[in-house]
Amino acid sequence: MKKKNINTFETELSRLQEISNLLDNDELDLETAMKLYEEGVELSSSCIQTLKEAEVRITEIKKKLDKIKTEDEEFLE
């Protein structure tokens, strides 16, 4: 999995929370709200992609672990 140089998953998630809180403000003008919403959609997409990559990596690690367990069981028989 590639490491992101500019943003990490945690900072993106934190910014998403911040945007959500800002959008709850009834005093935002429409243009600002639209820009925040657009930024939130982009961050959400990036976070989802990061989670998908993590899921693939975890699945690969689990397959390796299962293979090791199977080999150990065969060795012990």
PDB file of N, CA and C in Angstrom:
ATOM      1  N   MET A   1       0.837  -1.177   0.000  1.00  0.00           N
ATOM      2  CA  MET A   1       0.000   0.000   0.000  1.00  0.00           C
ATOM      3  C   MET A   1       0.884   1.244   0.000  1.00  0.00           C
ATOM      4  N   LYS A   2       0.550   2.196  -0.841  1.00  0.00           N
ATOM      5  CA  LYS A   2       1.312   3.422  -0.935  1.00  0.00           C
ATOM      6  C   LYS A   2       0.998   4.335   0.242  1.00  0.00           C
ATOM      7  N   LYS A   3       2.039   4.996   0.726  1.00  0.00           N
ATOM      8  CA  LYS A   3       1.821   5.997   1.760  1.00  0.00           C
ATOM      9  C   LYS A   3       1.551   7.324   1.072  1.00  0.00           C
ATOM     10  N   LYS A   4       0.570   8.060   1.590  1.00  0.00           N
ATOM     11  CA  LYS A   4       0.253   9.360   1.031  1.00  0.00           C
ATOM     12  C   LYS A   4       1.198  10.384   1.656  1.00  0.00           C
ATOM     13  N   ASN A   5       1.808  11.192   0.824  1.00  0.00           N
ATOM     14  CA  ASN A   5       2.741  12.183   1.330  1.00  0.00           C
ATOM     15  C   ASN A   5       2.038  13.399   1.920  1.00  0.00           C
ATOM     16  N   ILE A   6       0.940  13.824   1.313  1.00  0.00           N
ATOM     17  CA  ILE A   6       0.298  15.057   1.722  1.00  0.00           C
ATOM     18  C   ILE A   6      -0.646  14.828   2.893  1.00  0.00           C
ATOM     19  N   ASN A   7      -1.526  13.868   2.768  1.00  0.00           N
ATOM     20  CA  ASN A   7      -2.529  13.619   3.810  1.00  0.00           C
ATOM     21  C   ASN A   7      -2.499  12.160   4.236  1.00  0.00           C
ATOM     22  N   THR A   8      -2.786  11.942   5.478  1.00  0.00           N
ATOM     23  CA  THR A   8      -2.949  10.582   5.951  1.00  0.00           C
ATOM     24  C   THR A   8      -4.435  10.326   6.117  1.00  0.00           C
ATOM     25  N   PHE A   9      -4.773   9.078   6.246  1.00  0.00           N
ATOM     26  CA  PHE A   9      -6.168   8.707   6.452  1.00  0.00           C
ATOM     27  C   PHE A   9      -6.741   9.449   7.661  1.00  0.00           C
ATOM     28  N   GLU A  10      -5.972   9.489   8.718  1.00  0.00           N
ATOM     29  CA  GLU A  10      -6.452  10.109   9.950  1.00  0.00           C
ATOM     30  C   GLU A  10      -6.701  11.606   9.779  1.00  0.00           C
ATOM     31  N   THR A  11      -5.810  12.311   9.070  1.00  0.00           N
ATOM     32  CA  THR A  11      -6.025  13.747   8.884  1.00  0.00           C
ATOM     33  C   THR A  11      -7.209  13.997   7.956  1.00  0.00           C
ATOM     34  N   GLU A  12      -7.373  13.131   6.948  1.00  0.00           N
ATOM     35  CA  GLU A  12      -8.520  13.275   6.053  1.00  0.00           C
ATOM     36  C   GLU A  12      -9.828  13.030   6.797  1.00  0.00           C
ATOM     37  N   LEU A  13      -9.848  12.020   7.643  1.00  0.00           N
ATOM     38  CA  LEU A  13     -11.039  11.713   8.425  1.00  0.00           C
ATOM     39  C   LEU A  13     -11.356  12.850   9.400  1.00  0.00           C
ATOM     40  N   SER A  14     -10.330  13.402  10.002  1.00  0.00           N
ATOM     41  CA  SER A  14     -10.503  14.529  10.908  1.00  0.00           C
ATOM     42  C   SER A  14     -11.078  15.741  10.165  1.00  0.00           C
ATOM     43  N   ARG A  15     -10.569  16.001   8.971  1.00  0.00           N
ATOM     44  CA  ARG A  15     -11.084  17.120   8.180  1.00  0.00           C
ATOM     45  C   ARG A  15     -12.541  16.868   7.781  1.00  0.00           C
ATOM     46  N   LEU A  16     -12.883  15.630   7.469  1.00  0.00           N
ATOM     47  CA  LEU A  16     -14.274  15.301   7.160  1.00  0.00           C
ATOM     48  C   LEU A  16     -15.193  15.631   8.336  1.00  0.00           C
ATOM     49  N   GLN A  17     -14.758  15.305   9.535  1.00  0.00           N
ATOM     50  CA  GLN A  17     -15.544  15.613  10.731  1.00  0.00           C
ATOM     51  C   GLN A  17     -15.690  17.121  10.891  1.00  0.00           C
ATOM     52  N   GLU A  18     -14.594  17.832  10.650  1.00  0.00           N
ATOM     53  CA  GLU A  18     -14.617  19.292  10.745  1.00  0.00           C
ATOM     54  C   GLU A  18     -15.605  19.883   9.724  1.00  0.00           C
ATOM     55  N   ILE A  19     -15.565  19.373   8.507  1.00  0.00           N
ATOM     56  CA  ILE A  19     -16.483  19.836   7.462  1.00  0.00           C
ATOM     57  C   ILE A  19     -17.926  19.562   7.859  1.00  0.00           C
ATOM     58  N   SER A  20     -18.175  18.392   8.389  1.00  0.00           N
ATOM     59  CA  SER A  20     -19.519  18.035   8.833  1.00  0.00           C
ATOM     60  C   SER A  20     -20.019  19.025   9.879  1.00  0.00           C
ATOM     61  N   ASN A  21     -19.158  19.346  10.827  1.00  0.00           N
ATOM     62  CA  ASN A  21     -19.529  20.311  11.865  1.00  0.00           C
ATOM     63  C   ASN A  21     -19.791  21.697  11.276  1.00  0.00           C
ATOM     64  N   LEU A  22     -18.952  22.102  10.320  1.00  0.00           N
ATOM     65  CA  LEU A  22     -19.133  23.405   9.683  1.00  0.00           C
ATOM     66  C   LEU A  22     -20.444  23.468   8.898  1.00  0.00           C
ATOM     67  N   LEU A  23     -20.781  22.366   8.234  1.00  0.00           N
ATOM     68  CA  LEU A  23     -22.009  22.345   7.436  1.00  0.00           C
ATOM     69  C   LEU A  23     -23.267  22.376   8.309  1.00  0.00           C
ATOM     70  N   ASP A  24     -23.120  22.035   9.573  1.00  0.00           N
ATOM     71  CA  ASP A  24     -24.250  22.120  10.503  1.00  0.00           C
ATOM     72  C   ASP A  24     -24.578  23.567  10.864  1.00  0.00           C
ATOM     73  N   ASN A  25     -23.667  24.475  10.533  1.00  0.00           N
ATOM     74  CA  ASN A  25     -23.842  25.893  10.844  1.00  0.00           C
ATOM     75  C   ASN A  25     -24.853  26.515   9.884  1.00  0.00           C
ATOM     76  N   ASP A  26     -25.939  26.989  10.417  1.00  0.00           N
ATOM     77  CA  ASP A  26     -26.991  27.595   9.597  1.00  0.00           C
ATOM     78  C   ASP A  26     -26.577  28.928   8.981  1.00  0.00           C
ATOM     79  N   GLU A  27     -25.489  29.503   9.441  1.00  0.00           N
ATOM     80  CA  GLU A  27     -25.094  30.825   8.979  1.00  0.00           C
ATOM     81  C   GLU A  27     -24.157  30.790   7.767  1.00  0.00           C
ATOM     82  N   LEU A  28     -23.802  29.612   7.281  1.00  0.00           N
ATOM     83  CA  LEU A  28     -22.916  29.517   6.112  1.00  0.00           C
ATOM     84  C   LEU A  28     -23.636  30.005   4.861  1.00  0.00           C
ATOM     85  N   ASP A  29     -22.895  30.739   4.045  1.00  0.00           N
ATOM     86  CA  ASP A  29     -23.493  31.124   2.772  1.00  0.00           C
ATOM     87  C   ASP A  29     -23.431  29.930   1.822  1.00  0.00           C
ATOM     88  N   LEU A  30     -24.247  29.947   0.809  1.00  0.00           N
ATOM     89  CA  LEU A  30     -24.390  28.814  -0.104  1.00  0.00           C
ATOM     90  C   LEU A  30     -23.074  28.445  -0.781  1.00  0.00           C
ATOM     91  N   GLU A  31     -22.325  29.441  -1.245  1.00  0.00           N
ATOM     92  CA  GLU A  31     -21.066  29.168  -1.946  1.00  0.00           C
ATOM     93  C   GLU A  31     -20.070  28.455  -1.038  1.00  0.00           C
ATOM     94  N   THR A  32     -19.941  28.916   0.184  1.00  0.00           N
ATOM     95  CA  THR A  32     -19.032  28.270   1.144  1.00  0.00           C
ATOM     96  C   THR A  32     -19.492  26.851   1.440  1.00  0.00           C
ATOM     97  N   ALA A  33     -20.780  26.684   1.640  1.00  0.00           N
ATOM     98  CA  ALA A  33     -21.326  25.351   1.914  1.00  0.00           C
ATOM     99  C   ALA A  33     -21.056  24.402   0.750  1.00  0.00           C
ATOM    100  N   MET A  34     -21.218  24.893  -0.472  1.00  0.00           N
ATOM    101  CA  MET A  34     -20.977  24.048  -1.650  1.00  0.00           C
ATOM    102  C   MET A  34     -19.501  23.648  -1.747  1.00  0.00           C
ATOM    103  N   LYS A  35     -18.610  24.573  -1.470  1.00  0.00           N
ATOM    104  CA  LYS A  35     -17.170  24.265  -1.506  1.00  0.00           C
ATOM    105  C   LYS A  35     -16.814  23.241  -0.441  1.00  0.00           C
ATOM    106  N   LEU A  36     -17.354  23.416   0.751  1.00  0.00           N
ATOM    107  CA  LEU A  36     -17.099  22.453   1.825  1.00  0.00           C
ATOM    108  C   LEU A  36     -17.656  21.078   1.474  1.00  0.00           C
ATOM    109  N   TYR A  37     -18.852  21.062   0.910  1.00  0.00           N
ATOM    110  CA  TYR A  37     -19.470  19.794   0.527  1.00  0.00           C
ATOM    111  C   TYR A  37     -18.615  19.085  -0.528  1.00  0.00           C
ATOM    112  N   GLU A  38     -18.154  19.842  -1.522  1.00  0.00           N
ATOM    113  CA  GLU A  38     -17.306  19.264  -2.572  1.00  0.00           C
ATOM    114  C   GLU A  38     -16.014  18.700  -1.984  1.00  0.00           C
ATOM    115  N   GLU A  39     -15.399  19.448  -1.075  1.00  0.00           N
ATOM    116  CA  GLU A  39     -14.183  18.965  -0.417  1.00  0.00           C
ATOM    117  C   GLU A  39     -14.477  17.689   0.369  1.00  0.00           C
ATOM    118  N   GLY A  40     -15.612  17.663   1.035  1.00  0.00           N
ATOM    119  CA  GLY A  40     -15.999  16.480   1.810  1.00  0.00           C
ATOM    120  C   GLY A  40     -16.181  15.255   0.937  1.00  0.00           C
ATOM    121  N   VAL A  41     -16.791  15.429  -0.233  1.00  0.00           N
ATOM    122  CA  VAL A  41     -16.985  14.310  -1.156  1.00  0.00           C
ATOM    123  C   VAL A  41     -15.631  13.772  -1.622  1.00  0.00           C
ATOM    124  N   GLU A  42     -14.706  14.672  -1.937  1.00  0.00           N
ATOM    125  CA  GLU A  42     -13.366  14.246  -2.370  1.00  0.00           C
ATOM    126  C   GLU A  42     -12.624  13.517  -1.254  1.00  0.00           C
ATOM    127  N   LEU A  43     -12.705  14.051  -0.050  1.00  0.00           N
ATOM    128  CA  LEU A  43     -12.057  13.390   1.086  1.00  0.00           C
ATOM    129  C   LEU A  43     -12.685  12.032   1.366  1.00  0.00           C
ATOM    130  N   SER A  44     -13.992  11.962   1.272  1.00  0.00           N
ATOM    131  CA  SER A  44     -14.697  10.702   1.496  1.00  0.00           C
ATOM    132  C   SER A  44     -14.241   9.653   0.490  1.00  0.00           C
ATOM    133  N   SER A  45     -14.129  10.048  -0.752  1.00  0.00           N
ATOM    134  CA  SER A  45     -13.670   9.130  -1.797  1.00  0.00           C
ATOM    135  C   SER A  45     -12.261   8.637  -1.509  1.00  0.00           C
ATOM    136  N   SER A  46     -11.396   9.543  -1.094  1.00  0.00           N
ATOM    137  CA  SER A  46     -10.024   9.170  -0.766  1.00  0.00           C
ATOM    138  C   SER A  46      -9.979   8.209   0.422  1.00  0.00           C
ATOM    139  N   CYS A  47     -10.782   8.474   1.447  1.00  0.00           N
ATOM    140  CA  CYS A  47     -10.822   7.591   2.619  1.00  0.00           C
ATOM    141  C   CYS A  47     -11.335   6.201   2.248  1.00  0.00           C
ATOM    142  N   ILE A  48     -12.358   6.162   1.411  1.00  0.00           N
ATOM    143  CA  ILE A  48     -12.901   4.874   0.975  1.00  0.00           C
ATOM    144  C   ILE A  48     -11.837   4.082   0.215  1.00  0.00           C
ATOM    145  N   GLN A  49     -11.098   4.757  -0.663  1.00  0.00           N
ATOM    146  CA  GLN A  49     -10.035   4.080  -1.419  1.00  0.00           C
ATOM    147  C   GLN A  49      -8.964   3.539  -0.474  1.00  0.00           C
ATOM    148  N   THR A  50      -8.592   4.333   0.524  1.00  0.00           N
ATOM    149  CA  THR A  50      -7.596   3.887   1.502  1.00  0.00           C
ATOM    150  C   THR A  50      -8.090   2.662   2.256  1.00  0.00           C
ATOM    151  N   LEU A  51      -9.368   2.663   2.647  1.00  0.00           N
ATOM    152  CA  LEU A  51      -9.935   1.512   3.355  1.00  0.00           C
ATOM    153  C   LEU A  51      -9.980   0.269   2.468  1.00  0.00           C
ATOM    154  N   LYS A  52     -10.289   0.443   1.187  1.00  0.00           N
ATOM    155  CA  LYS A  52     -10.297  -0.695   0.264  1.00  0.00           C
ATOM    156  C   LYS A  52      -8.897  -1.284   0.130  1.00  0.00           C
ATOM    157  N   GLU A  53      -7.894  -0.416   0.034  1.00  0.00           N
ATOM    158  CA  GLU A  53      -6.508  -0.883  -0.057  1.00  0.00           C
ATOM    159  C   GLU A  53      -6.107  -1.630   1.214  1.00  0.00           C
ATOM    160  N   ALA A  54      -6.535  -1.127   2.361  1.00  0.00           N
ATOM    161  CA  ALA A  54      -6.235  -1.793   3.634  1.00  0.00           C
ATOM    162  C   ALA A  54      -6.910  -3.163   3.692  1.00  0.00           C
ATOM    163  N   GLU A  55      -8.139  -3.245   3.193  1.00  0.00           N
ATOM    164  CA  GLU A  55      -8.861  -4.520   3.190  1.00  0.00           C
ATOM    165  C   GLU A  55      -8.137  -5.552   2.335  1.00  0.00           C
ATOM    166  N   VAL A  56      -7.660  -5.128   1.173  1.00  0.00           N
ATOM    167  CA  VAL A  56      -6.918  -6.040   0.297  1.00  0.00           C
ATOM    168  C   VAL A  56      -5.653  -6.520   1.003  1.00  0.00           C
ATOM    169  N   ARG A  57      -4.963  -5.593   1.627  1.00  0.00           N
ATOM    170  CA  ARG A  57      -3.726  -5.951   2.326  1.00  0.00           C
ATOM    171  C   ARG A  57      -3.990  -6.927   3.474  1.00  0.00           C
ATOM    172  N   ILE A  58      -5.043  -6.669   4.249  1.00  0.00           N
ATOM    173  CA  ILE A  58      -5.392  -7.557   5.359  1.00  0.00           C
ATOM    174  C   ILE A  58      -5.763  -8.945   4.840  1.00  0.00           C
ATOM    175  N   THR A  59      -6.492  -9.005   3.729  1.00  0.00           N
ATOM    176  CA  THR A  59      -6.864 -10.290   3.134  1.00  0.00           C
ATOM    177  C   THR A  59      -5.620 -11.067   2.720  1.00  0.00           C
ATOM    178  N   GLU A  60      -4.638 -10.371   2.131  1.00  0.00           N
ATOM    179  CA  GLU A  60      -3.393 -11.027   1.725  1.00  0.00           C
ATOM    180  C   GLU A  60      -2.630 -11.556   2.938  1.00  0.00           C
ATOM    181  N   ILE A  61      -2.575 -10.765   3.992  1.00  0.00           N
ATOM    182  CA  ILE A  61      -1.890 -11.195   5.213  1.00  0.00           C
ATOM    183  C   ILE A  61      -2.591 -12.404   5.820  1.00  0.00           C
ATOM    184  N   LYS A  62      -3.920 -12.385   5.835  1.00  0.00           N
ATOM    185  CA  LYS A  62      -4.680 -13.508   6.377  1.00  0.00           C
ATOM    186  C   LYS A  62      -4.420 -14.780   5.575  1.00  0.00           C
ATOM    187  N   LYS A  63      -4.332 -14.672   4.252  1.00  0.00           N
ATOM    188  CA  LYS A  63      -4.052 -15.843   3.418  1.00  0.00           C
ATOM    189  C   LYS A  63      -2.687 -16.427   3.766  1.00  0.00           C
ATOM    190  N   LYS A  64      -1.698 -15.561   3.996  1.00  0.00           N
ATOM    191  CA  LYS A  64      -0.368 -16.029   4.382  1.00  0.00           C
ATOM    192  C   LYS A  64      -0.419 -16.746   5.729  1.00  0.00           C
ATOM    193  N   LEU A  65      -1.168 -16.171   6.661  1.00  0.00           N
ATOM    194  CA  LEU A  65      -1.293 -16.785   7.981  1.00  0.00           C
ATOM    195  C   LEU A  65      -1.984 -18.142   7.893  1.00  0.00           C
ATOM    196  N   ASP A  66      -3.056 -18.213   7.091  1.00  0.00           N
ATOM    197  CA  ASP A  66      -3.764 -19.482   6.910  1.00  0.00           C
ATOM    198  C   ASP A  66      -2.847 -20.539   6.302  1.00  0.00           C
ATOM    199  N   LYS A  67      -2.003 -20.117   5.360  1.00  0.00           N
ATOM    200  CA  LYS A  67      -1.065 -21.051   4.727  1.00  0.00           C
ATOM    201  C   LYS A  67      -0.059 -21.565   5.759  1.00  0.00           C
ATOM    202  N   ILE A  68       0.427 -20.677   6.605  1.00  0.00           N
ATOM    203  CA  ILE A  68       1.381 -21.081   7.641  1.00  0.00           C
ATOM    204  C   ILE A  68       0.720 -22.060   8.610  1.00  0.00           C
ATOM    205  N   LYS A  69      -0.520 -21.774   9.010  1.00  0.00           N
ATOM    206  CA  LYS A  69      -1.238 -22.670   9.923  1.00  0.00           C
ATOM    207  C   LYS A  69      -1.424 -24.043   9.294  1.00  0.00           C
ATOM    208  N   THR A  70      -1.779 -24.081   8.013  1.00  0.00           N
ATOM    209  CA  THR A  70      -1.978 -25.347   7.312  1.00  0.00           C
ATOM    210  C   THR A  70      -0.669 -26.129   7.252  1.00  0.00           C
ATOM    211  N   GLU A  71       0.417 -25.448   6.936  1.00  0.00           N
ATOM    212  CA  GLU A  71       1.725 -26.111   6.870  1.00  0.00           C
ATOM    213  C   GLU A  71       2.124 -26.643   8.239  1.00  0.00           C
ATOM    214  N   ASP A  72       1.851 -25.871   9.307  1.00  0.00           N
ATOM    215  CA  ASP A  72       2.167 -26.320  10.660  1.00  0.00           C
ATOM    216  C   ASP A  72       1.351 -27.561  11.030  1.00  0.00           C
ATOM    217  N   GLU A  73       0.067 -27.555  10.674  1.00  0.00           N
ATOM    218  CA  GLU A  73      -0.786 -28.697  10.977  1.00  0.00           C
ATOM    219  C   GLU A  73      -0.308 -29.951  10.239  1.00  0.00           C
ATOM    220  N   GLU A  74       0.074 -29.784   8.976  1.00  0.00           N
ATOM    221  CA  GLU A  74       0.591 -30.920   8.211  1.00  0.00           C
ATOM    222  C   GLU A  74       1.885 -31.440   8.797  1.00  0.00           C
ATOM    223  N   PHE A  75       2.736 -30.557   9.264  1.00  0.00           N
ATOM    224  CA  PHE A  75       4.004 -30.940   9.855  1.00  0.00           C
ATOM    225  C   PHE A  75       3.802 -31.706  11.153  1.00  0.00           C
ATOM    226  N   LEU A  76       2.796 -31.326  11.926  1.00  0.00           N
ATOM    227  CA  LEU A  76       2.557 -31.966  13.210  1.00  0.00           C
ATOM    228  C   LEU A  76       1.859 -33.307  13.110  1.00  0.00           C
ATOM    229  N   GLU A  77       1.305 -33.611  11.939  1.00  0.00           N
ATOM    230  CA  GLU A  77       0.583 -34.895  11.777  1.00  0.00           C
ATOM    231  C   GLU A  77       1.519 -36.054  11.674  1.00  0.00           C
TER     232      GLU A  77
END
